[in-house]
PDB file of N, CA and C in Angstrom:
ATOM      1  N   UNK A   1     -16.706 -19.440 -22.996  1.00  0.00           N
ATOM      2  CA  UNK A   1     -16.623 -19.089 -21.722  1.00  0.00           C
ATOM      3  C   UNK A   1     -15.767 -20.106 -21.060  1.00  0.00           C
ATOM      4  N   UNK A   2     -14.669 -19.337 -20.089  1.00  0.00           N
ATOM      5  CA  UNK A   2     -14.019 -20.116 -19.284  1.00  0.00           C
ATOM      6  C   UNK A   2     -14.243 -20.583 -18.125  1.00  0.00           C
ATOM      7  N   UNK A   3     -13.641 -21.391 -17.146  1.00  0.00           N
ATOM      8  CA  UNK A   3     -14.131 -21.873 -15.876  1.00  0.00           C
ATOM      9  C   UNK A   3     -13.994 -20.389 -15.168  1.00  0.00           C
ATOM     10  N   UNK A   4     -13.080 -19.699 -15.423  1.00  0.00           N
ATOM     11  CA  UNK A   4     -12.674 -18.761 -14.364  1.00  0.00           C
ATOM     12  C   UNK A   4     -14.051 -17.532 -14.811  1.00  0.00           C
ATOM     13  N   UNK A   5     -14.311 -17.485 -15.796  1.00  0.00           N
ATOM     14  CA  UNK A   5     -15.461 -16.380 -16.051  1.00  0.00           C
ATOM     15  C   UNK A   5     -16.982 -16.726 -15.595  1.00  0.00           C
ATOM     16  N   UNK A   6     -16.831 -18.175 -15.635  1.00  0.00           N
ATOM     17  CA  UNK A   6     -18.174 -18.795 -14.832  1.00  0.00           C
ATOM     18  C   UNK A   6     -18.210 -18.371 -13.451  1.00  0.00           C
ATOM     19  N   UNK A   7     -17.037 -18.515 -12.734  1.00  0.00           N
ATOM     20  CA  UNK A   7     -16.952 -18.598 -11.184  1.00  0.00           C
ATOM     21  C   UNK A   7     -17.035 -16.883 -10.762  1.00  0.00           C
ATOM     22  N   UNK A   8     -16.444 -16.046 -11.549  1.00  0.00           N
ATOM     23  CA  UNK A   8     -16.236 -14.475 -11.147  1.00  0.00           C
ATOM     24  C   UNK A   8     -17.464 -14.069 -10.446  1.00  0.00           C
ATOM     25  N   UNK A   9     -18.715 -14.083 -11.246  1.00  0.00           N
ATOM     26  CA  UNK A   9     -19.932 -13.365 -10.676  1.00  0.00           C
ATOM     27  C   UNK A   9     -20.253 -13.911  -9.224  1.00  0.00           C
ATOM     28  N   UNK A  10     -20.207 -15.279  -9.171  1.00  0.00           N
ATOM     29  CA  UNK A  10     -20.438 -16.009  -7.769  1.00  0.00           C
ATOM     30  C   UNK A  10     -19.510 -15.394  -6.778  1.00  0.00           C
ATOM     31  N   UNK A  11     -18.149 -15.169  -7.087  1.00  0.00           N
ATOM     32  CA  UNK A  11     -17.163 -14.813  -6.024  1.00  0.00           C
ATOM     33  C   UNK A  11     -17.320 -13.482  -5.853  1.00  0.00           C
ATOM     34  N   UNK A  12     -18.004 -12.662  -6.714  1.00  0.00           N
ATOM     35  CA  UNK A  12     -18.149 -11.145  -6.736  1.00  0.00           C
ATOM     36  C   UNK A  12     -19.445 -11.035  -5.522  1.00  0.00           C
ATOM     37  N   UNK A  13     -20.380 -11.820  -5.686  1.00  0.00           N
ATOM     38  CA  UNK A  13     -21.504 -11.882  -4.877  1.00  0.00           C
ATOM     39  C   UNK A  13     -21.003 -12.243  -3.464  1.00  0.00           C
ATOM     40  N   UNK A  14     -20.431 -13.178  -3.428  1.00  0.00           N
ATOM     41  CA  UNK A  14     -19.827 -13.839  -2.110  1.00  0.00           C
ATOM     42  C   UNK A  14     -18.950 -12.649  -1.594  1.00  0.00           C
ATOM     43  N   UNK A  15     -18.037 -11.964  -2.216  1.00  0.00           N
ATOM     44  CA  UNK A  15     -17.356 -10.730  -1.583  1.00  0.00           C
ATOM     45  C   UNK A  15     -18.234  -9.572  -1.082  1.00  0.00           C
ATOM     46  N   UNK A  16     -19.021  -9.175  -1.991  1.00  0.00           N
ATOM     47  CA  UNK A  16     -19.911  -8.175  -1.727  1.00  0.00           C
ATOM     48  C   UNK A  16     -20.793  -8.374  -0.271  1.00  0.00           C
ATOM     49  N   UNK A  17     -21.275  -9.770  -0.246  1.00  0.00           N
ATOM     50  CA  UNK A  17     -21.949 -10.149   0.705  1.00  0.00           C
ATOM     51  C   UNK A  17     -21.325 -10.252   2.108  1.00  0.00           C
ATOM     52  N   UNK A  18     -20.083 -10.611   1.895  1.00  0.00           N
ATOM     53  CA  UNK A  18     -19.256 -10.422   3.151  1.00  0.00           C
ATOM     54  C   UNK A  18     -18.800  -8.883   3.586  1.00  0.00           C
ATOM     55  N   UNK A  19     -18.637  -8.018   2.582  1.00  0.00           N
ATOM     56  CA  UNK A  19     -18.445  -6.737   3.054  1.00  0.00           C
ATOM     57  C   UNK A  19     -19.656  -6.057   3.525  1.00  0.00           C
ATOM     58  N   UNK A  20     -20.787  -6.333   2.816  1.00  0.00           N
ATOM     59  CA  UNK A  20     -22.273  -5.993   3.646  1.00  0.00           C
ATOM     60  C   UNK A  20     -22.370  -6.374   5.188  1.00  0.00           C
ATOM     61  N   UNK A  21     -21.993  -7.907   5.380  1.00  0.00           N
ATOM     62  CA  UNK A  21     -21.717  -8.351   6.620  1.00  0.00           C
ATOM     63  C   UNK A  21     -21.073  -7.400   7.551  1.00  0.00           C
ATOM     64  N   UNK A  22     -19.822  -7.033   7.045  1.00  0.00           N
ATOM     65  CA  UNK A  22     -19.096  -6.287   7.957  1.00  0.00           C
ATOM     66  C   UNK A  22     -19.563  -5.050   8.188  1.00  0.00           C
ATOM     67  N   UNK A  23     -20.210  -4.404   7.156  1.00  0.00           N
ATOM     68  CA  UNK A  23     -20.716  -2.951   7.439  1.00  0.00           C
ATOM     69  C   UNK A  23     -21.939  -3.071   8.253  1.00  0.00           C
ATOM     70  N   UNK A  24     -22.716  -4.280   8.195  1.00  0.00           N
ATOM     71  CA  UNK A  24     -24.054  -4.243   9.190  1.00  0.00           C
ATOM     72  C   UNK A  24     -23.439  -4.518  10.644  1.00  0.00           C
ATOM     73  N   UNK A  25     -22.394  -5.345  10.810  1.00  0.00           N
ATOM     74  CA  UNK A  25     -21.919  -5.574  12.101  1.00  0.00           C
ATOM     75  C   UNK A  25     -21.331  -4.079  12.828  1.00  0.00           C
ATOM     76  N   UNK A  26     -20.652  -3.461  11.779  1.00  0.00           N
ATOM     77  CA  UNK A  26     -20.051  -2.009  12.502  1.00  0.00           C
ATOM     78  C   UNK A  26     -21.125  -1.003  12.472  1.00  0.00           C
ATOM     79  N   UNK A  27     -22.207  -1.139  11.714  1.00  0.00           N
ATOM     80  CA  UNK A  27     -23.536  -0.228  12.127  1.00  0.00           C
ATOM     81  C   UNK A  27     -23.953  -0.704  13.370  1.00  0.00           C
ATOM     82  N   UNK A  28     -24.116  -1.937  13.896  1.00  0.00           N
ATOM     83  CA  UNK A  28     -24.766  -2.169  15.123  1.00  0.00           C
ATOM     84  C   UNK A  28     -23.863  -1.862  15.882  1.00  0.00           C
ATOM     85  N   UNK A  29     -22.444  -2.224  15.928  1.00  0.00           N
ATOM     86  CA  UNK A  29     -21.661  -1.721  17.176  1.00  0.00           C
ATOM     87  C   UNK A  29     -21.741  -0.325  17.370  1.00  0.00           C
ATOM     88  N   UNK A  30     -21.775   0.546  16.343  1.00  0.00           N
ATOM     89  CA  UNK A  30     -21.581   1.997  16.267  1.00  0.00           C
ATOM     90  C   UNK A  30     -23.111   2.489  17.127  1.00  0.00           C
ATOM     91  N   UNK A  31     -24.145   1.604  16.756  1.00  0.00           N
ATOM     92  CA  UNK A  31     -25.505   2.245  17.078  1.00  0.00           C
ATOM     93  C   UNK A  31     -25.451   1.852  18.731  1.00  0.00           C
ATOM     94  N   UNK A  32     -24.888   0.624  19.075  1.00  0.00           N
ATOM     95  CA  UNK A  32     -24.750   0.337  20.351  1.00  0.00           C
ATOM     96  C   UNK A  32     -23.832   1.031  21.296  1.00  0.00           C
ATOM     97  N   UNK A  33     -22.848   1.962  20.616  1.00  0.00           N
ATOM     98  CA  UNK A  33     -21.779   2.525  21.255  1.00  0.00           C
ATOM     99  C   UNK A  33     -20.746   1.422  21.846  1.00  0.00           C
ATOM    100  N   UNK A  34     -20.736   0.490  21.225  1.00  0.00           N
ATOM    101  CA  UNK A  34     -19.981  -0.682  21.600  1.00  0.00           C
ATOM    102  C   UNK A  34     -18.489  -0.738  20.756  1.00  0.00           C
ATOM    103  N   UNK A  35     -17.896   0.412  21.085  1.00  0.00           N
ATOM    104  CA  UNK A  35     -16.260   0.686  20.507  1.00  0.00           C
ATOM    105  C   UNK A  35     -15.631   1.756  21.251  1.00  0.00           C
ATOM    106  N   UNK A  36     -14.448   1.594  20.988  1.00  0.00           N
ATOM    107  CA  UNK A  36     -13.709   2.566  21.621  1.00  0.00           C
ATOM    108  C   UNK A  36     -12.846   3.476  20.878  1.00  0.00           C
ATOM    109  N   UNK A  37     -12.806   4.637  21.004  1.00  0.00           N
ATOM    110  CA  UNK A  37     -12.077   5.551  19.768  1.00  0.00           C
ATOM    111  C   UNK A  37     -10.813   5.806  20.692  1.00  0.00           C
ATOM    112  N   UNK A  38      -9.591   5.337  19.642  1.00  0.00           N
ATOM    113  CA  UNK A  38      -8.055   5.591  19.955  1.00  0.00           C
ATOM    114  C   UNK A  38      -7.682   7.069  19.831  1.00  0.00           C
ATOM    115  N   UNK A  39      -7.968   8.066  20.501  1.00  0.00           N
ATOM    116  CA  UNK A  39      -7.649   9.388  20.100  1.00  0.00           C
ATOM    117  C   UNK A  39      -6.412   9.680  19.523  1.00  0.00           C
ATOM    118  N   UNK A  40      -5.458   8.950  20.025  1.00  0.00           N
ATOM    119  CA  UNK A  40      -4.021   9.017  19.647  1.00  0.00           C
ATOM    120  C   UNK A  40      -3.974   8.621  18.230  1.00  0.00           C
ATOM    121  N   UNK A  41      -4.477   7.335  17.914  1.00  0.00           N
ATOM    122  CA  UNK A  41      -4.335   6.913  16.469  1.00  0.00           C
ATOM    123  C   UNK A  41      -5.023   7.691  15.611  1.00  0.00           C
ATOM    124  N   UNK A  42      -5.993   8.100  15.777  1.00  0.00           N
ATOM    125  CA  UNK A  42      -6.985   9.180  15.093  1.00  0.00           C
ATOM    126  C   UNK A  42      -6.108  10.249  14.562  1.00  0.00           C
ATOM    127  N   UNK A  43      -5.604  10.989  15.709  1.00  0.00           N
ATOM    128  CA  UNK A  43      -4.774  12.071  15.324  1.00  0.00           C
ATOM    129  C   UNK A  43      -3.708  11.910  14.532  1.00  0.00           C
ATOM    130  N   UNK A  44      -2.787  10.693  14.850  1.00  0.00           N
ATOM    131  CA  UNK A  44      -1.596   9.967  13.924  1.00  0.00           C
ATOM    132  C   UNK A  44      -1.980  10.001  12.511  1.00  0.00           C
ATOM    133  N   UNK A  45      -3.261   9.441  12.358  1.00  0.00           N
ATOM    134  CA  UNK A  45      -3.849   9.415  11.076  1.00  0.00           C
ATOM    135  C   UNK A  45      -4.091  10.585  10.225  1.00  0.00           C
ATOM    136  N   UNK A  46      -4.563  11.495  10.898  1.00  0.00           N
ATOM    137  CA  UNK A  46      -5.053  12.787  10.350  1.00  0.00           C
ATOM    138  C   UNK A  46      -3.705  13.484  10.178  1.00  0.00           C
ATOM    139  N   UNK A  47      -2.771  13.559  10.981  1.00  0.00           N
ATOM    140  CA  UNK A  47      -1.535  14.094  10.676  1.00  0.00           C
ATOM    141  C   UNK A  47      -0.835  13.412   9.558  1.00  0.00           C
ATOM    142  N   UNK A  48      -0.817  12.198   9.621  1.00  0.00           N
ATOM    143  CA  UNK A  48       0.009  11.427   8.432  1.00  0.00           C
ATOM    144  C   UNK A  48      -0.940  11.797   6.935  1.00  0.00           C
ATOM    145  N   UNK A  49      -2.109  11.846   6.988  1.00  0.00           N
ATOM    146  CA  UNK A  49      -2.649  12.087   5.552  1.00  0.00           C
ATOM    147  C   UNK A  49      -2.415  13.571   5.524  1.00  0.00           C
ATOM    148  N   UNK A  50      -2.309  14.425   6.370  1.00  0.00           N
ATOM    149  CA  UNK A  50      -2.039  15.694   5.854  1.00  0.00           C
ATOM    150  C   UNK A  50      -0.567  16.125   5.368  1.00  0.00           C
ATOM    151  N   UNK A  51       0.399  15.473   5.881  1.00  0.00           N
ATOM    152  CA  UNK A  51       2.002  15.507   5.448  1.00  0.00           C
ATOM    153  C   UNK A  51       1.634  14.944   4.143  1.00  0.00           C
ATOM    154  N   UNK A  52       1.234  13.717   3.779  1.00  0.00           N
ATOM    155  CA  UNK A  52       1.307  12.977   2.694  1.00  0.00           C
ATOM    156  C   UNK A  52       0.648  13.963   1.476  1.00  0.00           C
ATOM    157  N   UNK A  53      -0.435  14.597   1.966  1.00  0.00           N
ATOM    158  CA  UNK A  53      -0.860  15.521   0.657  1.00  0.00           C
ATOM    159  C   UNK A  53      -0.093  16.662   0.524  1.00  0.00           C
ATOM    160  N   UNK A  54       0.638  17.285   1.674  1.00  0.00           N
ATOM    161  CA  UNK A  54       1.485  18.252   1.337  1.00  0.00           C
ATOM    162  C   UNK A  54       2.689  17.805   0.610  1.00  0.00           C
ATOM    163  N   UNK A  55       3.236  16.846   0.711  1.00  0.00           N
ATOM    164  CA  UNK A  55       4.536  16.080  -0.159  1.00  0.00           C
ATOM    165  C   UNK A  55       3.823  16.174  -1.375  1.00  0.00           C
ATOM    166  N   UNK A  56       2.783  15.474  -1.562  1.00  0.00           N
ATOM    167  CA  UNK A  56       2.117  15.163  -2.945  1.00  0.00           C
ATOM    168  C   UNK A  56       2.155  16.732  -3.847  1.00  0.00           C
ATOM    169  N   UNK A  57       1.672  17.686  -2.979  1.00  0.00           N
ATOM    170  CA  UNK A  57       1.263  18.967  -3.889  1.00  0.00           C
ATOM    171  C   UNK A  57       2.569  19.603  -3.936  1.00  0.00           C
ATOM    172  N   UNK A  58       3.644  19.470  -3.136  1.00  0.00           N
ATOM    173  CA  UNK A  58       5.099  20.098  -3.348  1.00  0.00           C
ATOM    174  C   UNK A  58       5.506  19.444  -4.543  1.00  0.00           C
ATOM    175  N   UNK A  59       5.452  17.922  -4.635  1.00  0.00           N
ATOM    176  CA  UNK A  59       6.266  17.549  -5.660  1.00  0.00           C
ATOM    177  C   UNK A  59       5.378  17.602  -7.038  1.00  0.00           C
ATOM    178  N   UNK A  60       4.068  18.109  -7.171  1.00  0.00           N
ATOM    179  CA  UNK A  60       3.490  18.339  -8.168  1.00  0.00           C
ATOM    180  C   UNK A  60       4.004  19.731  -8.704  1.00  0.00           C
ATOM    181  N   UNK A  61       3.992  20.703  -7.817  1.00  0.00           N
ATOM    182  CA  UNK A  61       4.560  21.999  -7.791  1.00  0.00           C
ATOM    183  C   UNK A  61       5.992  21.854  -8.499  1.00  0.00           C
ATOM    184  N   UNK A  62       6.851  21.314  -7.818  1.00  0.00           N
ATOM    185  CA  UNK A  62       8.380  21.089  -8.527  1.00  0.00           C
ATOM    186  C   UNK A  62       8.230  20.539  -9.837  1.00  0.00           C
ATOM    187  N   UNK A  63       7.330  19.552 -10.224  1.00  0.00           N
ATOM    188  CA  UNK A  63       7.247  19.106 -11.403  1.00  0.00           C
ATOM    189  C   UNK A  63       6.798  19.840 -12.409  1.00  0.00           C
ATOM    190  N   UNK A  64       5.830  20.824 -12.179  1.00  0.00           N
ATOM    191  CA  UNK A  64       5.330  21.900 -13.204  1.00  0.00           C
ATOM    192  C   UNK A  64       6.383  23.038 -13.168  1.00  0.00           C
ATOM    193  N   UNK A  65       7.226  23.364 -12.184  1.00  0.00           N
ATOM    194  CA  UNK A  65       8.162  24.358 -12.392  1.00  0.00           C
ATOM    195  C   UNK A  65       9.241  23.649 -13.316  1.00  0.00           C
ATOM    196  N   UNK A  66       9.337  22.294 -13.507  1.00  0.00           N
ATOM    197  CA  UNK A  66      10.270  21.949 -14.294  1.00  0.00           C
ATOM    198  C   UNK A  66      11.699  21.464 -13.286  1.00  0.00           C
ATOM    199  N   UNK A  67      11.566  21.491 -12.175  1.00  0.00           N
ATOM    200  CA  UNK A  67      12.801  21.316 -11.414  1.00  0.00           C
ATOM    201  C   UNK A  67      12.525  19.841 -10.408  1.00  0.00           C
ATOM    202  N   UNK A  68      11.286  19.032 -10.771  1.00  0.00           N
ATOM    203  CA  UNK A  68      11.286  17.747 -10.137  1.00  0.00           C
ATOM    204  C   UNK A  68      11.909  16.855 -11.011  1.00  0.00           C
ATOM    205  N   UNK A  69      11.768  15.375 -10.619  1.00  0.00           N
ATOM    206  CA  UNK A  69      12.773  14.538 -11.004  1.00  0.00           C
ATOM    207  C   UNK A  69      12.313  14.125 -12.394  1.00  0.00           C
ATOM    208  N   UNK A  70      11.202  14.502 -13.072  1.00  0.00           N
ATOM    209  CA  UNK A  70      10.950  14.321 -14.393  1.00  0.00           C
ATOM    210  C   UNK A  70      11.016  15.694 -15.154  1.00  0.00           C
ATOM    211  N   UNK A  71      11.164  16.726 -14.610  1.00  0.00           N
ATOM    212  CA  UNK A  71      11.181  18.082 -15.331  1.00  0.00           C
ATOM    213  C   UNK A  71      12.553  18.544 -16.086  1.00  0.00           C
ATOM    214  N   UNK A  72      12.481  19.054 -17.175  1.00  0.00           N
ATOM    215  CA  UNK A  72      13.764  19.445 -17.890  1.00  0.00           C
ATOM    216  C   UNK A  72      13.694  20.916 -18.304  1.00  0.00           C
ATOM    217  N   UNK A  73      13.280  21.552 -16.971  1.00  0.00           N
ATOM    218  CA  UNK A  73      13.054  23.176 -17.275  1.00  0.00           C
ATOM    219  C   UNK A  73      11.703  23.374 -17.606  1.00  0.00           C
ATOM    220  N   UNK A  74      11.666  24.730 -17.763  1.00  0.00           N
ATOM    221  CA  UNK A  74      10.444  25.334 -17.939  1.00  0.00           C
ATOM    222  C   UNK A  74       9.717  24.810 -19.231  1.00  0.00           C
ATOM    223  N   UNK A  75       8.306  24.610 -19.337  1.00  0.00           N
ATOM    224  CA  UNK A  75       7.484  24.257 -20.292  1.00  0.00           C
ATOM    225  C   UNK A  75       7.023  25.377 -21.403  1.00  0.00           C
ATOM    226  N   UNK A  76       7.442  25.437 -22.627  1.00  0.00           N
ATOM    227  CA  UNK A  76       6.871  26.737 -23.324  1.00  0.00           C
ATOM    228  C   UNK A  76       6.017  25.967 -24.519  1.00  0.00           C
ATOM    229  N   UNK A  77       5.120  26.679 -24.572  1.00  0.00           N
ATOM    230  CA  UNK A  77       4.211  26.401 -25.838  1.00  0.00           C
ATOM    231  C   UNK A  77       4.660  26.591 -26.990  1.00  0.00           C
ATOM    232  N   UNK A  78       4.515  25.968 -28.146  1.00  0.00           N
ATOM    233  CA  UNK A  78       4.857  26.158 -29.517  1.00  0.00           C
ATOM    234  C   UNK A  78       3.389  26.471 -30.244  1.00  0.00           C
ATOM    235  N   UNK A  79       3.705  27.334 -31.291  1.00  0.00           N
ATOM    236  CA  UNK A  79       2.457  27.291 -32.014  1.00  0.00           C
ATOM    237  C   UNK A  79       2.117  28.466 -32.799  1.00  0.00           C
TER     238      UNK A  79
END
């Protein structure tokens, strides 16, 4: 057993406890309505995610058609 392997479980527990504390704090703030929603930031995040998804789907379609950066033409099965 190395020194690192002896400490990893403790670090994992510590990180998990810290994450749980953040979640609990957030839940409390939400329960008390102690936060402000930035509608513009939310809208930008939604649009950014939708555009990223669209780009990924377009890239996947181009690759499947053989016209993407890794495609060498149509794929034909042999057999």
